[in-house]
Amino acid sequence: MSKNPAPCENLMLDNQLCFALHSTSLLMTKVYKPQLQALGLTYPQYLAMMVLWEEDGLTVGEISSRLLTDPGSLTPLLKRLEAEGLLSRTRSREDERVVVVELTQAGRTLQEKAMGIPQCILGASGLQLEQLRTLQSDLIALRRNLQASV
């Protein structure tokens, strides 16, 4: 059996920014999971709800754009949230190809129940709020740079 050559520093897993982001994202989702289970939401559903809590009455395309996802993959998620009674989807009168998504009263009420989640995440991070804000700002800048390059 041949021995692996000495590892190349540039290709070591722990030296990869993409792996640091990916693994942190996986762990972050695990931290959110019990909080979201109490609300009856998955993490992707929570993201969609946050977009609507921020601005209600958006189109599927607008929500998709905000979440950096494909509208086709968002539709089944929105259908499940509609079946749960958290939102309604209606076709636009001006253009029936456009679907407008609005929160129901139950969807608005759920926002109140979700208010404590950010504090739980802050506690789990072990960081100070200022540190998390700096990290968030750096990640947003990275995301914008990457968006501009693709």
N, C-alpha and C. Protein backbone atom coordinates (compact mmCIF):
# COMPACT_ATOMS: atom_id res chain seq x y z
N MET A 1 0.85 -1.17 0.00
CA MET A 1 0.00 0.00 0.00
C MET A 1 0.90 1.24 0.00
N SER A 2 0.60 2.18 -0.87
CA SER A 2 1.44 3.37 -0.96
C SER A 2 1.00 4.40 0.07
N LYS A 3 1.97 5.13 0.53
CA LYS A 3 1.73 6.20 1.49
C LYS A 3 1.24 7.45 0.77
N ASN A 4 0.36 8.20 1.41
CA ASN A 4 -0.06 9.48 0.84
C ASN A 4 1.11 10.44 0.88
N PRO A 5 1.25 11.25 -0.16
CA PRO A 5 2.31 12.26 -0.12
C PRO A 5 2.02 13.28 0.99
N ALA A 6 3.01 14.06 1.33
CA ALA A 6 2.83 15.10 2.34
C ALA A 6 1.67 16.01 1.90
N PRO A 7 0.80 16.36 2.83
CA PRO A 7 -0.35 17.19 2.44
C PRO A 7 0.08 18.57 1.95
N CYS A 8 -0.63 19.03 0.96
CA CYS A 8 -0.41 20.38 0.44
C CYS A 8 -1.21 21.33 1.32
N GLU A 9 -0.55 22.31 1.90
CA GLU A 9 -1.22 23.26 2.80
C GLU A 9 -2.47 23.87 2.17
N ASN A 10 -2.40 24.19 0.89
CA ASN A 10 -3.53 24.82 0.20
C ASN A 10 -4.74 23.91 0.08
N LEU A 11 -4.52 22.60 0.19
CA LEU A 11 -5.63 21.66 0.01
C LEU A 11 -6.02 20.94 1.30
N MET A 12 -5.53 21.41 2.42
CA MET A 12 -5.94 20.81 3.69
C MET A 12 -7.34 21.31 4.04
N LEU A 13 -8.18 20.38 4.43
CA LEU A 13 -9.59 20.69 4.69
C LEU A 13 -9.76 21.86 5.66
N ASP A 14 -9.05 21.82 6.76
CA ASP A 14 -9.21 22.87 7.77
C ASP A 14 -8.65 24.22 7.33
N ASN A 15 -7.98 24.27 6.20
CA ASN A 15 -7.47 25.54 5.66
C ASN A 15 -8.42 26.14 4.62
N GLN A 16 -9.55 25.49 4.41
CA GLN A 16 -10.48 25.94 3.38
C GLN A 16 -11.57 26.82 3.98
N LEU A 17 -11.71 28.02 3.46
CA LEU A 17 -12.78 28.91 3.89
C LEU A 17 -14.14 28.26 3.63
N CYS A 18 -14.28 27.60 2.48
CA CYS A 18 -15.57 27.00 2.14
C CYS A 18 -15.98 25.96 3.18
N PHE A 19 -15.01 25.18 3.69
CA PHE A 19 -15.35 24.18 4.69
C PHE A 19 -15.68 24.83 6.03
N ALA A 20 -14.97 25.89 6.38
CA ALA A 20 -15.29 26.60 7.62
C ALA A 20 -16.72 27.14 7.57
N LEU A 21 -17.11 27.70 6.43
CA LEU A 21 -18.48 28.21 6.26
C LEU A 21 -19.49 27.07 6.27
N HIS A 22 -19.20 26.02 5.51
CA HIS A 22 -20.12 24.88 5.39
C HIS A 22 -20.34 24.20 6.75
N SER A 23 -19.25 23.87 7.45
CA SER A 23 -19.37 23.16 8.71
C SER A 23 -20.04 24.03 9.78
N THR A 24 -19.74 25.32 9.76
CA THR A 24 -20.38 26.23 10.72
C THR A 24 -21.88 26.34 10.42
N SER A 25 -22.22 26.38 9.14
CA SER A 25 -23.63 26.44 8.76
C SER A 25 -24.38 25.19 9.22
N LEU A 26 -23.76 24.03 9.05
CA LEU A 26 -24.40 22.79 9.51
C LEU A 26 -24.64 22.82 11.01
N LEU A 27 -23.64 23.26 11.76
CA LEU A 27 -23.77 23.31 13.21
C LEU A 27 -24.78 24.38 13.64
N MET A 28 -24.80 25.49 12.94
CA MET A 28 -25.75 26.55 13.25
C MET A 28 -27.18 26.04 13.07
N THR A 29 -27.40 25.30 12.02
CA THR A 29 -28.72 24.73 11.76
C THR A 29 -29.12 23.77 12.89
N LYS A 30 -28.15 23.00 13.40
CA LYS A 30 -28.43 22.10 14.52
C LYS A 30 -28.80 22.86 15.78
N VAL A 31 -28.18 24.00 15.99
CA VAL A 31 -28.50 24.83 17.15
C VAL A 31 -29.93 25.37 17.02
N TYR A 32 -30.30 25.75 15.82
CA TYR A 32 -31.65 26.28 15.58
C TYR A 32 -32.73 25.20 15.72
N LYS A 33 -32.39 23.96 15.41
CA LYS A 33 -33.39 22.90 15.27
C LYS A 33 -34.37 22.79 16.44
N PRO A 34 -33.93 22.68 17.69
CA PRO A 34 -34.93 22.55 18.76
C PRO A 34 -35.80 23.80 18.92
N GLN A 35 -35.21 24.95 18.68
CA GLN A 35 -35.99 26.20 18.76
C GLN A 35 -37.10 26.20 17.71
N LEU A 36 -36.74 25.78 16.51
CA LEU A 36 -37.69 25.80 15.40
C LEU A 36 -38.71 24.67 15.51
N GLN A 37 -38.30 23.53 16.06
CA GLN A 37 -39.25 22.44 16.26
C GLN A 37 -40.38 22.88 17.17
N ALA A 38 -40.05 23.69 18.16
CA ALA A 38 -41.07 24.20 19.08
C ALA A 38 -42.08 25.08 18.34
N LEU A 39 -41.65 25.67 17.22
CA LEU A 39 -42.55 26.51 16.41
C LEU A 39 -43.20 25.71 15.28
N GLY A 40 -42.75 24.47 15.08
CA GLY A 40 -43.28 23.66 13.98
C GLY A 40 -42.70 24.04 12.63
N LEU A 41 -41.47 24.60 12.64
CA LEU A 41 -40.84 25.04 11.39
C LEU A 41 -39.52 24.33 11.15
N THR A 42 -39.19 24.17 9.89
CA THR A 42 -37.84 23.76 9.51
C THR A 42 -37.02 25.04 9.33
N TYR A 43 -35.71 24.89 9.23
CA TYR A 43 -34.87 26.07 9.05
C TYR A 43 -35.21 26.82 7.76
N PRO A 44 -35.35 26.14 6.61
CA PRO A 44 -35.74 26.89 5.39
C PRO A 44 -37.10 27.59 5.53
N GLN A 45 -38.05 26.96 6.22
CA GLN A 45 -39.34 27.59 6.44
C GLN A 45 -39.18 28.84 7.31
N TYR A 46 -38.33 28.74 8.32
CA TYR A 46 -38.05 29.88 9.20
C TYR A 46 -37.49 31.05 8.40
N LEU A 47 -36.57 30.76 7.49
CA LEU A 47 -36.00 31.82 6.66
C LEU A 47 -37.09 32.51 5.83
N ALA A 48 -37.97 31.72 5.24
CA ALA A 48 -39.06 32.30 4.44
C ALA A 48 -39.99 33.14 5.32
N MET A 49 -40.28 32.64 6.51
CA MET A 49 -41.14 33.39 7.42
C MET A 49 -40.48 34.70 7.84
N MET A 50 -39.17 34.68 8.08
CA MET A 50 -38.48 35.92 8.45
C MET A 50 -38.57 36.95 7.34
N VAL A 51 -38.47 36.51 6.10
CA VAL A 51 -38.60 37.45 4.97
C VAL A 51 -39.98 38.09 5.01
N LEU A 52 -41.00 37.29 5.26
CA LEU A 52 -42.38 37.82 5.28
C LEU A 52 -42.65 38.64 6.55
N TRP A 53 -42.03 38.30 7.66
CA TRP A 53 -42.19 39.12 8.86
C TRP A 53 -41.57 40.49 8.64
N GLU A 54 -40.53 40.51 7.83
CA GLU A 54 -39.86 41.78 7.51
C GLU A 54 -40.69 42.61 6.54
N GLU A 55 -41.26 41.95 5.55
CA GLU A 55 -42.09 42.64 4.55
C GLU A 55 -43.13 41.66 4.00
N ASP A 56 -44.36 41.86 4.39
CA ASP A 56 -45.46 41.00 3.98
C ASP A 56 -45.92 41.36 2.57
N GLY A 57 -46.55 40.40 1.91
CA GLY A 57 -47.14 40.66 0.60
C GLY A 57 -46.16 40.64 -0.55
N LEU A 58 -45.10 39.86 -0.42
CA LEU A 58 -44.10 39.75 -1.48
C LEU A 58 -44.51 38.67 -2.48
N THR A 59 -43.93 38.74 -3.65
CA THR A 59 -44.15 37.68 -4.64
C THR A 59 -43.19 36.53 -4.35
N VAL A 60 -43.49 35.38 -4.90
CA VAL A 60 -42.60 34.22 -4.76
C VAL A 60 -41.22 34.58 -5.30
N GLY A 61 -41.17 35.29 -6.39
CA GLY A 61 -39.89 35.70 -6.98
C GLY A 61 -39.10 36.61 -6.05
N GLU A 62 -39.79 37.52 -5.38
CA GLU A 62 -39.10 38.42 -4.45
C GLU A 62 -38.55 37.67 -3.24
N ILE A 63 -39.33 36.73 -2.72
CA ILE A 63 -38.86 35.93 -1.59
C ILE A 63 -37.68 35.08 -2.03
N SER A 64 -37.80 34.48 -3.20
CA SER A 64 -36.73 33.66 -3.75
C SER A 64 -35.45 34.46 -3.91
N SER A 65 -35.56 35.65 -4.43
CA SER A 65 -34.41 36.52 -4.62
C SER A 65 -33.76 36.87 -3.28
N ARG A 66 -34.59 37.17 -2.30
CA ARG A 66 -34.08 37.53 -0.97
C ARG A 66 -33.35 36.38 -0.33
N LEU A 67 -33.81 35.14 -0.56
CA LEU A 67 -33.21 33.95 0.05
C LEU A 67 -32.13 33.32 -0.83
N LEU A 68 -31.87 33.91 -2.00
CA LEU A 68 -30.87 33.38 -2.94
C LEU A 68 -31.19 31.93 -3.33
N THR A 69 -32.46 31.68 -3.62
CA THR A 69 -32.89 30.33 -3.97
C THR A 69 -33.71 30.38 -5.26
N ASP A 70 -33.94 29.24 -5.82
CA ASP A 70 -34.72 29.12 -7.04
C ASP A 70 -36.21 29.15 -6.69
N PRO A 71 -37.02 29.94 -7.43
CA PRO A 71 -38.46 29.98 -7.12
C PRO A 71 -39.13 28.61 -7.15
N GLY A 72 -38.67 27.74 -8.04
CA GLY A 72 -39.26 26.40 -8.14
C GLY A 72 -39.04 25.57 -6.89
N SER A 73 -37.92 25.76 -6.23
CA SER A 73 -37.66 25.01 -4.99
C SER A 73 -38.36 25.65 -3.80
N LEU A 74 -38.71 26.91 -3.92
CA LEU A 74 -39.38 27.62 -2.84
C LEU A 74 -40.88 27.29 -2.80
N THR A 75 -41.47 27.03 -3.94
CA THR A 75 -42.91 26.80 -4.02
C THR A 75 -43.40 25.66 -3.12
N PRO A 76 -42.76 24.48 -3.11
CA PRO A 76 -43.24 23.42 -2.21
C PRO A 76 -43.17 23.83 -0.73
N LEU A 77 -42.13 24.56 -0.36
CA LEU A 77 -41.99 25.04 1.00
C LEU A 77 -43.13 25.99 1.36
N LEU A 78 -43.45 26.90 0.45
CA LEU A 78 -44.55 27.85 0.68
C LEU A 78 -45.89 27.13 0.74
N LYS A 79 -46.06 26.10 -0.08
CA LYS A 79 -47.30 25.31 -0.04
C LYS A 79 -47.48 24.65 1.32
N ARG A 80 -46.37 24.14 1.90
CA ARG A 80 -46.46 23.51 3.22
C ARG A 80 -46.83 24.55 4.28
N LEU A 81 -46.23 25.73 4.19
CA LEU A 81 -46.56 26.79 5.15
C LEU A 81 -48.01 27.23 5.00
N GLU A 82 -48.50 27.21 3.76
CA GLU A 82 -49.91 27.55 3.52
C GLU A 82 -50.81 26.48 4.12
N ALA A 83 -50.44 25.21 3.95
CA ALA A 83 -51.24 24.11 4.52
C ALA A 83 -51.26 24.18 6.05
N GLU A 84 -50.21 24.73 6.64
CA GLU A 84 -50.14 24.91 8.09
C GLU A 84 -50.93 26.13 8.55
N GLY A 85 -51.45 26.90 7.59
CA GLY A 85 -52.25 28.07 7.92
C GLY A 85 -51.45 29.31 8.27
N LEU A 86 -50.15 29.33 7.90
CA LEU A 86 -49.29 30.45 8.26
C LEU A 86 -49.24 31.54 7.21
N LEU A 87 -49.62 31.20 5.99
CA LEU A 87 -49.61 32.19 4.91
C LEU A 87 -50.63 31.81 3.86
N SER A 88 -50.89 32.75 2.98
CA SER A 88 -51.76 32.49 1.83
C SER A 88 -51.01 32.87 0.56
N ARG A 89 -51.32 32.15 -0.49
CA ARG A 89 -50.71 32.43 -1.79
C ARG A 89 -51.85 32.72 -2.76
N THR A 90 -51.77 33.86 -3.43
CA THR A 90 -52.80 34.20 -4.41
C THR A 90 -52.13 34.71 -5.68
N ARG A 91 -52.78 34.46 -6.78
CA ARG A 91 -52.26 34.94 -8.07
C ARG A 91 -52.55 36.43 -8.20
N SER A 92 -51.60 37.13 -8.77
CA SER A 92 -51.75 38.57 -8.98
C SER A 92 -52.86 38.81 -10.00
N ARG A 93 -53.63 39.85 -9.79
CA ARG A 93 -54.69 40.21 -10.74
C ARG A 93 -54.08 40.77 -12.03
N GLU A 94 -52.94 41.46 -11.89
CA GLU A 94 -52.29 42.08 -13.05
C GLU A 94 -51.59 41.04 -13.94
N ASP A 95 -51.02 40.02 -13.31
CA ASP A 95 -50.27 38.99 -14.04
C ASP A 95 -50.45 37.67 -13.30
N GLU A 96 -51.27 36.79 -13.86
CA GLU A 96 -51.59 35.55 -13.15
C GLU A 96 -50.40 34.60 -13.00
N ARG A 97 -49.28 34.88 -13.68
CA ARG A 97 -48.07 34.08 -13.48
C ARG A 97 -47.38 34.41 -12.17
N VAL A 98 -47.73 35.56 -11.61
CA VAL A 98 -47.10 36.04 -10.37
C VAL A 98 -47.96 35.62 -9.17
N VAL A 99 -47.30 35.01 -8.17
CA VAL A 99 -47.99 34.58 -6.95
C VAL A 99 -47.54 35.48 -5.80
N VAL A 100 -48.53 36.08 -5.13
CA VAL A 100 -48.27 36.96 -3.99
C VAL A 100 -48.48 36.16 -2.71
N VAL A 101 -47.54 36.31 -1.78
CA VAL A 101 -47.57 35.56 -0.52
C VAL A 101 -47.82 36.54 0.62
N GLU A 102 -48.83 36.23 1.42
CA GLU A 102 -49.17 37.08 2.56
C GLU A 102 -49.32 36.23 3.82
N LEU A 103 -48.90 36.81 4.94
CA LEU A 103 -49.04 36.13 6.22
C LEU A 103 -50.51 36.09 6.63
N THR A 104 -50.88 35.02 7.29
CA THR A 104 -52.19 34.96 7.94
C THR A 104 -52.01 35.47 9.37
N GLN A 105 -53.09 35.55 10.10
CA GLN A 105 -52.98 35.96 11.51
C GLN A 105 -52.10 34.97 12.27
N ALA A 106 -52.24 33.68 11.96
CA ALA A 106 -51.41 32.66 12.63
C ALA A 106 -49.93 32.88 12.30
N GLY A 107 -49.63 33.29 11.08
CA GLY A 107 -48.25 33.57 10.70
C GLY A 107 -47.69 34.77 11.44
N ARG A 108 -48.52 35.78 11.64
CA ARG A 108 -48.09 36.96 12.39
C ARG A 108 -47.89 36.61 13.87
N THR A 109 -48.78 35.80 14.41
CA THR A 109 -48.68 35.38 15.80
C THR A 109 -47.41 34.56 16.03
N LEU A 110 -47.04 33.76 15.05
CA LEU A 110 -45.84 32.93 15.17
C LEU A 110 -44.59 33.80 15.34
N GLN A 111 -44.60 34.98 14.75
CA GLN A 111 -43.47 35.90 14.89
C GLN A 111 -43.20 36.21 16.36
N GLU A 112 -44.26 36.44 17.10
CA GLU A 112 -44.11 36.73 18.53
C GLU A 112 -43.46 35.57 19.26
N LYS A 113 -43.80 34.35 18.89
CA LYS A 113 -43.23 33.16 19.52
C LYS A 113 -41.76 32.97 19.14
N ALA A 114 -41.36 33.53 18.01
CA ALA A 114 -39.98 33.38 17.52
C ALA A 114 -39.04 34.44 18.06
N MET A 115 -39.56 35.40 18.77
CA MET A 115 -38.75 36.55 19.21
C MET A 115 -37.53 36.17 20.05
N GLY A 116 -37.57 35.09 20.78
CA GLY A 116 -36.45 34.71 21.64
C GLY A 116 -35.35 33.93 20.95
N ILE A 117 -35.58 33.52 19.72
CA ILE A 117 -34.59 32.68 19.03
C ILE A 117 -33.24 33.37 18.88
N PRO A 118 -33.17 34.62 18.42
CA PRO A 118 -31.84 35.23 18.27
C PRO A 118 -31.03 35.23 19.57
N GLN A 119 -31.67 35.43 20.70
CA GLN A 119 -30.96 35.43 21.98
C GLN A 119 -30.41 34.04 22.29
N CYS A 120 -31.16 33.01 21.96
CA CYS A 120 -30.68 31.63 22.16
C CYS A 120 -29.45 31.35 21.29
N ILE A 121 -29.49 31.84 20.07
CA ILE A 121 -28.37 31.63 19.15
C ILE A 121 -27.14 32.39 19.65
N LEU A 122 -27.35 33.60 20.13
CA LEU A 122 -26.24 34.38 20.69
C LEU A 122 -25.60 33.61 21.85
N GLY A 123 -26.42 33.08 22.73
CA GLY A 123 -25.90 32.32 23.86
C GLY A 123 -25.12 31.09 23.43
N ALA A 124 -25.63 30.38 22.44
CA ALA A 124 -24.96 29.17 21.96
C ALA A 124 -23.64 29.49 21.27
N SER A 125 -23.52 30.69 20.71
CA SER A 125 -22.31 31.03 19.97
C SER A 125 -21.10 31.23 20.87
N GLY A 126 -21.34 31.61 22.11
CA GLY A 126 -20.23 31.88 23.01
C GLY A 126 -19.52 33.19 22.70
N LEU A 127 -20.08 33.98 21.81
CA LEU A 127 -19.48 35.26 21.42
C LEU A 127 -20.28 36.41 22.00
N GLN A 128 -19.68 37.57 22.02
CA GLN A 128 -20.38 38.79 22.40
C GLN A 128 -21.17 39.30 21.20
N LEU A 129 -22.22 40.05 21.45
CA LEU A 129 -23.06 40.58 20.37
C LEU A 129 -22.22 41.36 19.36
N GLU A 130 -21.29 42.16 19.82
CA GLU A 130 -20.46 42.97 18.91
C GLU A 130 -19.61 42.06 18.00
N GLN A 131 -19.12 40.95 18.56
CA GLN A 131 -18.33 40.01 17.77
C GLN A 131 -19.19 39.38 16.68
N LEU A 132 -20.41 39.00 17.04
CA LEU A 132 -21.31 38.40 16.05
C LEU A 132 -21.68 39.41 14.96
N ARG A 133 -21.91 40.65 15.35
CA ARG A 133 -22.25 41.69 14.36
C ARG A 133 -21.10 41.90 13.38
N THR A 134 -19.86 41.90 13.89
CA THR A 134 -18.69 42.06 13.02
C THR A 134 -18.58 40.87 12.08
N LEU A 135 -18.75 39.66 12.61
CA LEU A 135 -18.70 38.46 11.78
C LEU A 135 -19.79 38.50 10.71
N GLN A 136 -21.00 38.88 11.11
CA GLN A 136 -22.11 38.98 10.17
C GLN A 136 -21.80 39.99 9.07
N SER A 137 -21.28 41.12 9.44
CA SER A 137 -20.92 42.16 8.47
C SER A 137 -19.86 41.66 7.49
N ASP A 138 -18.87 40.96 8.01
CA ASP A 138 -17.82 40.40 7.15
C ASP A 138 -18.39 39.35 6.18
N LEU A 139 -19.30 38.53 6.68
CA LEU A 139 -19.91 37.50 5.82
C LEU A 139 -20.81 38.13 4.76
N ILE A 140 -21.52 39.18 5.10
CA ILE A 140 -22.35 39.87 4.11
C ILE A 140 -21.47 40.47 3.02
N ALA A 141 -20.35 41.05 3.41
CA ALA A 141 -19.42 41.61 2.42
C ALA A 141 -18.87 40.51 1.53
N LEU A 142 -18.52 39.37 2.12
CA LEU A 142 -18.03 38.23 1.33
C LEU A 142 -19.11 37.76 0.36
N ARG A 143 -20.35 37.65 0.84
CA ARG A 143 -21.46 37.21 -0.02
C ARG A 143 -21.63 38.16 -1.20
N ARG A 144 -21.59 39.44 -0.94
CA ARG A 144 -21.74 40.42 -2.02
C ARG A 144 -20.61 40.32 -3.04
N ASN A 145 -19.41 40.12 -2.56
CA ASN A 145 -18.28 39.97 -3.47
C ASN A 145 -18.44 38.71 -4.32
N LEU A 146 -18.88 37.63 -3.69
CA LEU A 146 -19.08 36.40 -4.44
C LEU A 146 -20.21 36.52 -5.45
N GLN A 147 -21.28 37.21 -5.05
CA GLN A 147 -22.40 37.43 -5.99
C GLN A 147 -21.93 38.20 -7.22
N ALA A 148 -21.05 39.15 -7.00
CA ALA A 148 -20.56 39.94 -8.12
C ALA A 148 -19.66 39.15 -9.05
N SER A 149 -19.09 38.06 -8.53
CA SER A 149 -18.15 37.28 -9.35
C SER A 149 -18.80 36.11 -10.07
N VAL A 150 -20.07 35.81 -9.75
CA VAL A 150 -20.73 34.68 -10.43
C VAL A 150 -21.79 35.16 -11.39
